[in-house]
């Protein structure tokens, strides 16, 4: 798995929180809360996808190891 998706998801989460805080401080001057929320959601979706991929990897190869141990 490439490092770039993990880094970009962290950047999306951090900058999304920073943008929302800035928009809350100056609501009459700034817009874009929806874009900030979208960045946050996509960042957290990617984090969840990485965790799910790691779990699938562990369960798949753990299942193969279990099957190999049972056949001997």
PDB file of N, CA and C in Angstrom:
ATOM      1  N   UNK A   1       0.843  -1.169   0.000  1.00  0.00           N
ATOM      2  CA  UNK A   1       0.000   0.000   0.000  1.00  0.00           C
ATOM      3  C   UNK A   1       0.893   1.238   0.000  1.00  0.00           C
ATOM      4  N   UNK A   2       0.519   2.176  -0.778  1.00  0.00           N
ATOM      5  CA  UNK A   2       1.292   3.399  -0.920  1.00  0.00           C
ATOM      6  C   UNK A   2       1.175   4.269   0.325  1.00  0.00           C
ATOM      7  N   UNK A   3       2.190   5.068   0.556  1.00  0.00           N
ATOM      8  CA  UNK A   3       2.191   5.973   1.699  1.00  0.00           C
ATOM      9  C   UNK A   3       1.312   7.192   1.422  1.00  0.00           C
ATOM     10  N   UNK A   4       1.181   7.572   0.165  1.00  0.00           N
ATOM     11  CA  UNK A   4       0.464   8.800  -0.190  1.00  0.00           C
ATOM     12  C   UNK A   4      -0.985   8.848   0.324  1.00  0.00           C
ATOM     13  N   UNK A   5      -1.788   7.805   0.193  1.00  0.00           N
ATOM     14  CA  UNK A   5      -3.164   7.903   0.716  1.00  0.00           C
ATOM     15  C   UNK A   5      -3.216   8.124   2.221  1.00  0.00           C
ATOM     16  N   UNK A   6      -2.298   7.513   2.947  1.00  0.00           N
ATOM     17  CA  UNK A   6      -2.289   7.707   4.399  1.00  0.00           C
ATOM     18  C   UNK A   6      -1.900   9.139   4.754  1.00  0.00           C
ATOM     19  N   UNK A   7      -0.925   9.671   4.038  1.00  0.00           N
ATOM     20  CA  UNK A   7      -0.500  11.042   4.314  1.00  0.00           C
ATOM     21  C   UNK A   7      -1.591  12.029   3.919  1.00  0.00           C
ATOM     22  N   UNK A   8      -2.196  11.820   2.767  1.00  0.00           N
ATOM     23  CA  UNK A   8      -3.213  12.771   2.325  1.00  0.00           C
ATOM     24  C   UNK A   8      -4.457  12.712   3.199  1.00  0.00           C
ATOM     25  N   UNK A   9      -4.772  11.544   3.754  1.00  0.00           N
ATOM     26  CA  UNK A   9      -5.925  11.482   4.653  1.00  0.00           C
ATOM     27  C   UNK A   9      -5.628  12.248   5.939  1.00  0.00           C
ATOM     28  N   UNK A  10      -4.407  12.167   6.437  1.00  0.00           N
ATOM     29  CA  UNK A  10      -4.040  12.935   7.624  1.00  0.00           C
ATOM     30  C   UNK A  10      -4.089  14.432   7.326  1.00  0.00           C
ATOM     31  N   UNK A  11      -3.608  14.820   6.150  1.00  0.00           N
ATOM     32  CA  UNK A  11      -3.642  16.231   5.762  1.00  0.00           C
ATOM     33  C   UNK A  11      -5.090  16.708   5.634  1.00  0.00           C
ATOM     34  N   UNK A  12      -5.956  15.890   5.062  1.00  0.00           N
ATOM     35  CA  UNK A  12      -7.368  16.266   4.910  1.00  0.00           C
ATOM     36  C   UNK A  12      -8.035  16.463   6.264  1.00  0.00           C
ATOM     37  N   UNK A  13      -7.740  15.599   7.210  1.00  0.00           N
ATOM     38  CA  UNK A  13      -8.338  15.708   8.546  1.00  0.00           C
ATOM     39  C   UNK A  13      -7.826  16.961   9.261  1.00  0.00           C
ATOM     40  N   UNK A  14      -6.526  17.173   9.225  1.00  0.00           N
ATOM     41  CA  UNK A  14      -5.940  18.324   9.931  1.00  0.00           C
ATOM     42  C   UNK A  14      -6.415  19.633   9.319  1.00  0.00           C
ATOM     43  N   UNK A  15      -6.313  19.759   8.001  1.00  0.00           N
ATOM     44  CA  UNK A  15      -6.708  21.018   7.372  1.00  0.00           C
ATOM     45  C   UNK A  15      -8.216  21.236   7.432  1.00  0.00           C
ATOM     46  N   UNK A  16      -8.996  20.161   7.437  1.00  0.00           N
ATOM     47  CA  UNK A  16     -10.444  20.301   7.591  1.00  0.00           C
ATOM     48  C   UNK A  16     -10.806  20.888   8.940  1.00  0.00           C
ATOM     49  N   UNK A  17     -10.148  20.406   9.986  1.00  0.00           N
ATOM     50  CA  UNK A  17     -10.396  20.967  11.326  1.00  0.00           C
ATOM     51  C   UNK A  17      -9.927  22.416  11.411  1.00  0.00           C
ATOM     52  N   UNK A  18      -8.765  22.704  10.813  1.00  0.00           N
ATOM     53  CA  UNK A  18      -8.262  24.078  10.832  1.00  0.00           C
ATOM     54  C   UNK A  18      -9.205  25.028  10.088  1.00  0.00           C
ATOM     55  N   UNK A  19      -9.701  24.580   8.940  1.00  0.00           N
ATOM     56  CA  UNK A  19     -10.604  25.422   8.142  1.00  0.00           C
ATOM     57  C   UNK A  19     -11.916  25.676   8.874  1.00  0.00           C
ATOM     58  N   UNK A  20     -12.471  24.643   9.475  1.00  0.00           N
ATOM     59  CA  UNK A  20     -13.727  24.837  10.201  1.00  0.00           C
ATOM     60  C   UNK A  20     -13.550  25.776  11.381  1.00  0.00           C
ATOM     61  N   UNK A  21     -12.429  25.679  12.080  1.00  0.00           N
ATOM     62  CA  UNK A  21     -12.177  26.583  13.205  1.00  0.00           C
ATOM     63  C   UNK A  21     -12.053  28.023  12.714  1.00  0.00           C
ATOM     64  N   UNK A  22     -11.358  28.223  11.600  1.00  0.00           N
ATOM     65  CA  UNK A  22     -11.206  29.574  11.047  1.00  0.00           C
ATOM     66  C   UNK A  22     -12.550  30.135  10.587  1.00  0.00           C
ATOM     67  N   UNK A  23     -13.372  29.298   9.983  1.00  0.00           N
ATOM     68  CA  UNK A  23     -14.697  29.744   9.531  1.00  0.00           C
ATOM     69  C   UNK A  23     -15.576  30.106  10.721  1.00  0.00           C
ATOM     70  N   UNK A  24     -15.470  29.347  11.815  1.00  0.00           N
ATOM     71  CA  UNK A  24     -16.255  29.661  13.010  1.00  0.00           C
ATOM     72  C   UNK A  24     -15.813  30.970  13.658  1.00  0.00           C
ATOM     73  N   UNK A  25     -14.527  31.275  13.569  1.00  0.00           N
ATOM     74  CA  UNK A  25     -14.029  32.524  14.161  1.00  0.00           C
ATOM     75  C   UNK A  25     -14.482  33.748  13.369  1.00  0.00           C
ATOM     76  N   UNK A  26     -14.591  33.605  12.029  1.00  0.00           N
ATOM     77  CA  UNK A  26     -14.990  34.741  11.178  1.00  0.00           C
ATOM     78  C   UNK A  26     -16.106  34.319  10.223  1.00  0.00           C
ATOM     79  N   UNK A  27     -17.287  34.024  10.730  1.00  0.00           N
ATOM     80  CA  UNK A  27     -18.358  33.482   9.881  1.00  0.00           C
ATOM     81  C   UNK A  27     -18.884  34.467   8.841  1.00  0.00           C
ATOM     82  N   UNK A  28     -18.773  35.774   9.079  1.00  0.00           N
ATOM     83  CA  UNK A  28     -19.302  36.752   8.127  1.00  0.00           C
ATOM     84  C   UNK A  28     -18.332  37.003   6.976  1.00  0.00           C
ATOM     85  N   UNK A  29     -17.073  36.660   7.159  1.00  0.00           N
ATOM     86  CA  UNK A  29     -16.066  36.916   6.137  1.00  0.00           C
ATOM     87  C   UNK A  29     -15.742  35.688   5.295  1.00  0.00           C
ATOM     88  N   UNK A  30     -15.892  34.504   5.860  1.00  0.00           N
ATOM     89  CA  UNK A  30     -15.448  33.277   5.191  1.00  0.00           C
ATOM     90  C   UNK A  30     -16.618  32.339   4.912  1.00  0.00           C
ATOM     91  N   UNK A  31     -16.489  31.604   3.809  1.00  0.00           N
ATOM     92  CA  UNK A  31     -17.448  30.546   3.458  1.00  0.00           C
ATOM     93  C   UNK A  31     -16.653  29.272   3.223  1.00  0.00           C
ATOM     94  N   UNK A  32     -17.358  28.185   3.010  1.00  0.00           N
ATOM     95  CA  UNK A  32     -16.689  26.941   2.658  1.00  0.00           C
ATOM     96  C   UNK A  32     -16.741  25.874   3.722  1.00  0.00           C
ATOM     97  N   UNK A  33     -17.663  26.003   4.657  1.00  0.00           N
ATOM     98  CA  UNK A  33     -17.765  24.991   5.704  1.00  0.00           C
ATOM     99  C   UNK A  33     -18.097  23.619   5.113  1.00  0.00           C
ATOM    100  N   UNK A  34     -18.891  23.608   4.058  1.00  0.00           N
ATOM    101  CA  UNK A  34     -19.233  22.336   3.415  1.00  0.00           C
ATOM    102  C   UNK A  34     -18.015  21.640   2.822  1.00  0.00           C
ATOM    103  N   UNK A  35     -17.127  22.412   2.232  1.00  0.00           N
ATOM    104  CA  UNK A  35     -15.897  21.828   1.692  1.00  0.00           C
ATOM    105  C   UNK A  35     -14.994  21.307   2.802  1.00  0.00           C
ATOM    106  N   UNK A  36     -14.945  22.032   3.911  1.00  0.00           N
ATOM    107  CA  UNK A  36     -14.144  21.575   5.044  1.00  0.00           C
ATOM    108  C   UNK A  36     -14.698  20.265   5.599  1.00  0.00           C
ATOM    109  N   UNK A  37     -16.016  20.178   5.710  1.00  0.00           N
ATOM    110  CA  UNK A  37     -16.643  18.942   6.197  1.00  0.00           C
ATOM    111  C   UNK A  37     -16.391  17.801   5.214  1.00  0.00           C
ATOM    112  N   UNK A  38     -16.452  18.083   3.925  1.00  0.00           N
ATOM    113  CA  UNK A  38     -16.180  17.059   2.918  1.00  0.00           C
ATOM    114  C   UNK A  38     -14.757  16.528   3.053  1.00  0.00           C
ATOM    115  N   UNK A  39     -13.793  17.414   3.278  1.00  0.00           N
ATOM    116  CA  UNK A  39     -12.420  16.982   3.499  1.00  0.00           C
ATOM    117  C   UNK A  39     -12.283  16.106   4.728  1.00  0.00           C
ATOM    118  N   UNK A  40     -12.966  16.501   5.792  1.00  0.00           N
ATOM    119  CA  UNK A  40     -12.942  15.689   7.009  1.00  0.00           C
ATOM    120  C   UNK A  40     -13.533  14.302   6.779  1.00  0.00           C
ATOM    121  N   UNK A  41     -14.680  14.268   6.124  1.00  0.00           N
ATOM    122  CA  UNK A  41     -15.346  12.982   5.882  1.00  0.00           C
ATOM    123  C   UNK A  41     -14.473  12.082   5.008  1.00  0.00           C
ATOM    124  N   UNK A  42     -13.936  12.628   3.929  1.00  0.00           N
ATOM    125  CA  UNK A  42     -13.091  11.812   3.044  1.00  0.00           C
ATOM    126  C   UNK A  42     -11.820  11.349   3.748  1.00  0.00           C
ATOM    127  N   UNK A  43     -11.261  12.210   4.588  1.00  0.00           N
ATOM    128  CA  UNK A  43     -10.074  11.807   5.344  1.00  0.00           C
ATOM    129  C   UNK A  43     -10.373  10.651   6.281  1.00  0.00           C
ATOM    130  N   UNK A  44     -11.477  10.751   7.015  1.00  0.00           N
ATOM    131  CA  UNK A  44     -11.829   9.675   7.943  1.00  0.00           C
ATOM    132  C   UNK A  44     -12.262   8.403   7.214  1.00  0.00           C
ATOM    133  N   UNK A  45     -12.885   8.546   6.042  1.00  0.00           N
ATOM    134  CA  UNK A  45     -13.243   7.360   5.240  1.00  0.00           C
ATOM    135  C   UNK A  45     -11.977   6.617   4.824  1.00  0.00           C
ATOM    136  N   UNK A  46     -10.952   7.356   4.440  1.00  0.00           N
ATOM    137  CA  UNK A  46      -9.696   6.722   4.051  1.00  0.00           C
ATOM    138  C   UNK A  46      -9.027   6.034   5.228  1.00  0.00           C
ATOM    139  N   UNK A  47      -9.071   6.657   6.397  1.00  0.00           N
ATOM    140  CA  UNK A  47      -8.521   6.017   7.596  1.00  0.00           C
ATOM    141  C   UNK A  47      -9.248   4.698   7.863  1.00  0.00           C
ATOM    142  N   UNK A  48     -10.579   4.722   7.760  1.00  0.00           N
ATOM    143  CA  UNK A  48     -11.362   3.497   7.942  1.00  0.00           C
ATOM    144  C   UNK A  48     -11.044   2.440   6.903  1.00  0.00           C
ATOM    145  N   UNK A  49     -10.826   2.863   5.657  1.00  0.00           N
ATOM    146  CA  UNK A  49     -10.492   1.918   4.594  1.00  0.00           C
ATOM    147  C   UNK A  49      -9.133   1.272   4.837  1.00  0.00           C
ATOM    148  N   UNK A  50      -8.180   2.038   5.321  1.00  0.00           N
ATOM    149  CA  UNK A  50      -6.854   1.479   5.619  1.00  0.00           C
ATOM    150  C   UNK A  50      -6.953   0.477   6.758  1.00  0.00           C
ATOM    151  N   UNK A  51      -7.707   0.812   7.796  1.00  0.00           N
ATOM    152  CA  UNK A  51      -7.875  -0.121   8.916  1.00  0.00           C
ATOM    153  C   UNK A  51      -8.583  -1.386   8.451  1.00  0.00           C
ATOM    154  N   UNK A  52      -9.619  -1.248   7.628  1.00  0.00           N
ATOM    155  CA  UNK A  52     -10.329  -2.419   7.106  1.00  0.00           C
ATOM    156  C   UNK A  52      -9.412  -3.278   6.248  1.00  0.00           C
ATOM    157  N   UNK A  53      -8.568  -2.654   5.427  1.00  0.00           N
ATOM    158  CA  UNK A  53      -7.639  -3.411   4.577  1.00  0.00           C
ATOM    159  C   UNK A  53      -6.636  -4.184   5.424  1.00  0.00           C
ATOM    160  N   UNK A  54      -6.164  -3.575   6.491  1.00  0.00           N
ATOM    161  CA  UNK A  54      -5.219  -4.269   7.376  1.00  0.00           C
ATOM    162  C   UNK A  54      -5.907  -5.460   8.048  1.00  0.00           C
ATOM    163  N   UNK A  55      -7.141  -5.273   8.511  1.00  0.00           N
ATOM    164  CA  UNK A  55      -7.883  -6.378   9.132  1.00  0.00           C
ATOM    165  C   UNK A  55      -8.147  -7.513   8.152  1.00  0.00           C
ATOM    166  N   UNK A  56      -8.527  -7.170   6.923  1.00  0.00           N
ATOM    167  CA  UNK A  56      -8.766  -8.200   5.906  1.00  0.00           C
ATOM    168  C   UNK A  56      -7.485  -8.966   5.627  1.00  0.00           C
ATOM    169  N   UNK A  57      -6.369  -8.261   5.525  1.00  0.00           N
ATOM    170  CA  UNK A  57      -5.070  -8.892   5.290  1.00  0.00           C
ATOM    171  C   UNK A  57      -4.736  -9.879   6.408  1.00  0.00           C
ATOM    172  N   UNK A  58      -4.895  -9.427   7.659  1.00  0.00           N
ATOM    173  CA  UNK A  58      -4.580 -10.285   8.803  1.00  0.00           C
ATOM    174  C   UNK A  58      -5.519 -11.492   8.857  1.00  0.00           C
ATOM    175  N   UNK A  59      -6.810 -11.248   8.650  1.00  0.00           N
ATOM    176  CA  UNK A  59      -7.770 -12.357   8.712  1.00  0.00           C
ATOM    177  C   UNK A  59      -7.558 -13.350   7.576  1.00  0.00           C
ATOM    178  N   UNK A  60      -7.249 -12.871   6.383  1.00  0.00           N
ATOM    179  CA  UNK A  60      -7.038 -13.761   5.236  1.00  0.00           C
ATOM    180  C   UNK A  60      -5.835 -14.673   5.474  1.00  0.00           C
ATOM    181  N   UNK A  61      -4.691 -14.065   5.815  1.00  0.00           N
ATOM    182  CA  UNK A  61      -3.501 -14.879   6.006  1.00  0.00           C
ATOM    183  C   UNK A  61      -3.547 -15.671   7.303  1.00  0.00           C
ATOM    184  N   UNK A  62      -4.250 -15.176   8.302  1.00  0.00           N
ATOM    185  CA  UNK A  62      -4.462 -15.960   9.511  1.00  0.00           C
ATOM    186  C   UNK A  62      -5.326 -17.184   9.223  1.00  0.00           C
ATOM    187  N   UNK A  63      -6.337 -17.009   8.376  1.00  0.00           N
ATOM    188  CA  UNK A  63      -7.168 -18.140   7.967  1.00  0.00           C
ATOM    189  C   UNK A  63      -6.392 -19.157   7.165  1.00  0.00           C
ATOM    190  N   UNK A  64      -5.515 -18.696   6.286  1.00  0.00           N
ATOM    191  CA  UNK A  64      -4.669 -19.626   5.526  1.00  0.00           C
ATOM    192  C   UNK A  64      -3.740 -20.398   6.450  1.00  0.00           C
ATOM    193  N   UNK A  65      -3.173 -19.721   7.424  1.00  0.00           N
ATOM    194  CA  UNK A  65      -2.284 -20.390   8.374  1.00  0.00           C
ATOM    195  C   UNK A  65      -3.058 -21.407   9.199  1.00  0.00           C
ATOM    196  N   UNK A  66      -4.286 -21.053   9.583  1.00  0.00           N
ATOM    197  CA  UNK A  66      -5.110 -21.982  10.354  1.00  0.00           C
ATOM    198  C   UNK A  66      -5.442 -23.216   9.527  1.00  0.00           C
ATOM    199  N   UNK A  67      -5.806 -22.999   8.248  1.00  0.00           N
ATOM    200  CA  UNK A  67      -6.091 -24.142   7.370  1.00  0.00           C
ATOM    201  C   UNK A  67      -4.868 -25.022   7.167  1.00  0.00           C
ATOM    202  N   UNK A  68      -3.713 -24.415   7.010  1.00  0.00           N
ATOM    203  CA  UNK A  68      -2.487 -25.192   6.836  1.00  0.00           C
ATOM    204  C   UNK A  68      -2.162 -25.982   8.092  1.00  0.00           C
ATOM    205  N   UNK A  69      -2.408 -25.401   9.272  1.00  0.00           N
ATOM    206  CA  UNK A  69      -2.134 -26.107  10.520  1.00  0.00           C
ATOM    207  C   UNK A  69      -3.104 -27.263  10.729  1.00  0.00           C
ATOM    208  N   UNK A  70      -4.359 -27.086  10.288  1.00  0.00           N
ATOM    209  CA  UNK A  70      -5.375 -28.137  10.474  1.00  0.00           C
ATOM    210  C   UNK A  70      -5.157 -29.303   9.525  1.00  0.00           C
ATOM    211  N   UNK A  71      -4.529 -29.063   8.373  1.00  0.00           N
ATOM    212  CA  UNK A  71      -4.369 -30.146   7.398  1.00  0.00           C
ATOM    213  C   UNK A  71      -3.207 -31.056   7.727  1.00  0.00           C
ATOM    214  N   UNK A  72      -2.317 -30.646   8.619  1.00  0.00           N
ATOM    215  CA  UNK A  72      -1.170 -31.492   8.984  1.00  0.00           C
ATOM    216  C   UNK A  72      -1.494 -32.400  10.093  1.00  0.00           C
TER     217      UNK A  72
END
